Structure formats: C-alpha cells, structure tokens
Amino acid sequence: MQLFVTVLVKGEYMPKILKKLSDNNFHGSVLTTMSIKDALLNSNIDEGPVFGGISRVVNYTQDSRPMLFIVVKDDEEVKTLGKLVNEATNGIADKGFMYSVPVNFAEGI
C-alpha cells in the first residue's frame, strides 16, 4: 500500500483535482496546512531580539495550503493519481508537489 500526498501552493486547483479523482473512483482526505515560517510568526513564542524586530516590520501573511491524502493498494494507482493531478493542474510544477510513501499498516480501509 502507498500513501499518496499532494500539497498545493494555493487552493484554486483543488476543486478540479477532487472532481477528476472522484470521477476515477479515488477518495481520500483534504487538510489545510501552513508553512513552518508562517506558524512560527503567528505563534505566541517570544521572538529573539533580532528577528522579532524584523517580523514586526515585514508582513508574512500567507494563505493556507490544501493537502490531499489518499491511500492506495499498489504502485499503478500512484501513477494514475499523479497523472490525474497533473491533468487537473496542467502540470504540478510551480503549483505544488506530490509524493508517495509506503504504508506498513492500515486498518478499516
């Protein structure tokens, strides 16, 4: 089994990706994420003396990034998912990235 993950820079392509995946009988989960930089800048942790001053001057607002998770049984399905995401985005480059990792255990799928 494989976990297929797609992370988009912006969410504008997600509806088209989800439609394409649903039409091809793939189902998963979508979560929103934020970059580590954005998370640190928006945290309640005291900032260092040098970087704290800079972060008050520079505006680092960033939209959340949608992240798609799908567990599939074999490598062929991963290839199909990659093809569908590329079709929906006209190529993922500069719009996000995708990857897969092996799943050693799954229950209830």
Protein backbone atom coordinates (compact mmCIF):
# COMPACT_ATOMS: atom_id res chain seq x y z
CA MET A 1 0.00 0.00 0.00
CA GLN A 2 1.04 3.59 -0.61
CA LEU A 3 0.06 6.95 0.84
CA PHE A 4 -0.23 9.49 -1.99
CA VAL A 5 0.08 13.12 -0.90
CA THR A 6 -0.44 16.30 -2.90
CA VAL A 7 0.35 19.73 -1.45
CA LEU A 8 -0.75 22.82 -3.36
CA VAL A 9 0.66 26.33 -3.00
CA LYS A 10 -2.85 27.74 -3.50
CA GLY A 11 -6.23 26.06 -3.29
CA GLU A 12 -7.54 27.16 -6.67
CA TYR A 13 -6.78 23.79 -8.29
CA MET A 14 -8.24 21.60 -5.55
CA PRO A 15 -11.87 21.52 -6.83
CA LYS A 16 -10.70 20.38 -10.27
CA ILE A 17 -8.37 17.77 -8.74
CA LEU A 18 -11.13 16.43 -6.47
CA LYS A 19 -13.58 16.19 -9.38
CA LYS A 20 -11.05 14.31 -11.51
CA LEU A 21 -10.20 11.92 -8.66
CA SER A 22 -13.85 11.32 -7.79
CA ASP A 23 -14.69 10.65 -11.45
CA ASN A 24 -11.96 7.97 -11.36
CA ASN A 25 -13.20 6.42 -8.09
CA PHE A 26 -10.41 7.72 -5.81
CA HIS A 27 -11.33 9.02 -2.37
CA GLY A 28 -9.23 10.46 0.43
CA SER A 29 -8.94 13.38 2.82
CA VAL A 30 -8.11 17.06 2.40
CA LEU A 31 -6.48 19.11 5.15
CA THR A 32 -5.29 22.69 5.19
CA THR A 33 -1.75 23.42 6.30
CA MET A 34 0.55 26.37 6.82
CA SER A 35 4.27 26.77 6.32
CA ILE A 36 6.64 26.43 9.27
CA LYS A 37 7.64 30.08 8.82
CA ASP A 38 4.02 31.23 8.99
CA ALA A 39 3.31 29.00 12.00
CA LEU A 40 6.30 30.40 13.90
CA LEU A 41 5.48 34.01 13.05
CA ASN A 42 1.89 33.55 14.23
CA SER A 43 2.81 31.69 17.42
CA ASN A 44 2.85 33.02 20.97
CA ILE A 45 6.52 32.12 21.44
CA ASP A 46 8.73 35.09 22.37
CA GLU A 47 10.77 36.20 19.41
CA GLY A 48 14.52 36.70 19.51
CA PRO A 49 15.75 40.28 19.72
CA VAL A 50 16.99 40.49 16.11
CA PHE A 51 14.29 38.51 14.32
CA GLY A 52 11.48 39.84 16.47
CA GLY A 53 12.05 43.37 15.21
CA ILE A 54 12.15 42.24 11.58
CA SER A 55 8.94 40.23 11.86
CA ARG A 56 7.07 43.27 13.13
CA VAL A 57 8.08 45.27 10.05
CA VAL A 58 7.64 42.65 7.31
CA ASN A 59 4.18 41.26 6.58
CA TYR A 60 4.34 37.47 6.08
CA THR A 61 0.68 36.65 5.56
CA GLN A 62 0.18 33.51 3.56
CA ASP A 63 -2.90 31.52 2.61
CA SER A 64 -3.32 28.04 3.97
CA ARG A 65 -2.18 25.25 1.68
CA PRO A 66 -4.51 22.38 0.86
CA MET A 67 -3.07 18.90 1.29
CA LEU A 68 -4.66 15.78 -0.20
CA PHE A 69 -4.13 12.29 1.30
CA ILE A 70 -5.13 9.07 -0.46
CA VAL A 71 -4.19 5.50 0.49
CA VAL A 72 -3.97 3.13 -2.50
CA LYS A 73 -3.12 -0.55 -2.85
CA ASP A 74 -0.39 -0.53 -5.49
CA ASP A 75 2.15 1.49 -7.43
CA GLU A 76 0.00 1.59 -10.58
CA GLU A 77 -2.66 3.55 -8.69
CA VAL A 78 0.03 6.02 -7.56
CA LYS A 79 1.00 6.55 -11.21
CA THR A 80 -2.66 7.07 -12.13
CA LEU A 81 -3.12 9.60 -9.30
CA GLY A 82 -0.04 11.52 -10.42
CA LYS A 83 -1.35 11.62 -13.98
CA LEU A 84 -4.78 12.86 -12.84
CA VAL A 85 -3.30 15.60 -10.63
CA ASN A 86 -1.05 16.74 -13.49
CA GLU A 87 -4.02 16.83 -15.84
CA ALA A 88 -6.09 18.88 -13.36
CA THR A 89 -3.29 21.39 -12.75
CA ASN A 90 -1.77 21.45 -16.24
CA GLY A 91 1.41 20.22 -14.54
CA ILE A 92 2.08 20.41 -10.82
CA ALA A 93 5.38 22.32 -11.15
CA ASP A 94 5.16 25.80 -9.54
CA LYS A 95 1.69 24.92 -8.18
CA GLY A 96 2.72 22.44 -5.51
CA PHE A 97 4.18 18.98 -5.25
CA MET A 98 3.15 15.37 -4.79
CA TYR A 99 4.80 12.25 -3.40
CA SER A 100 4.02 8.81 -2.07
CA VAL A 101 5.35 6.77 0.84
CA PRO A 102 4.84 3.12 1.76
CA VAL A 103 2.12 2.28 4.26
CA ASN A 104 3.09 -0.59 6.55
CA PHE A 105 -0.19 -0.78 8.42
CA ALA A 106 -3.78 0.24 7.73
CA GLU A 107 -7.00 -0.82 9.40
CA GLY A 108 -10.58 -0.08 8.46
CA ILE A 109 -9.92 0.87 4.86
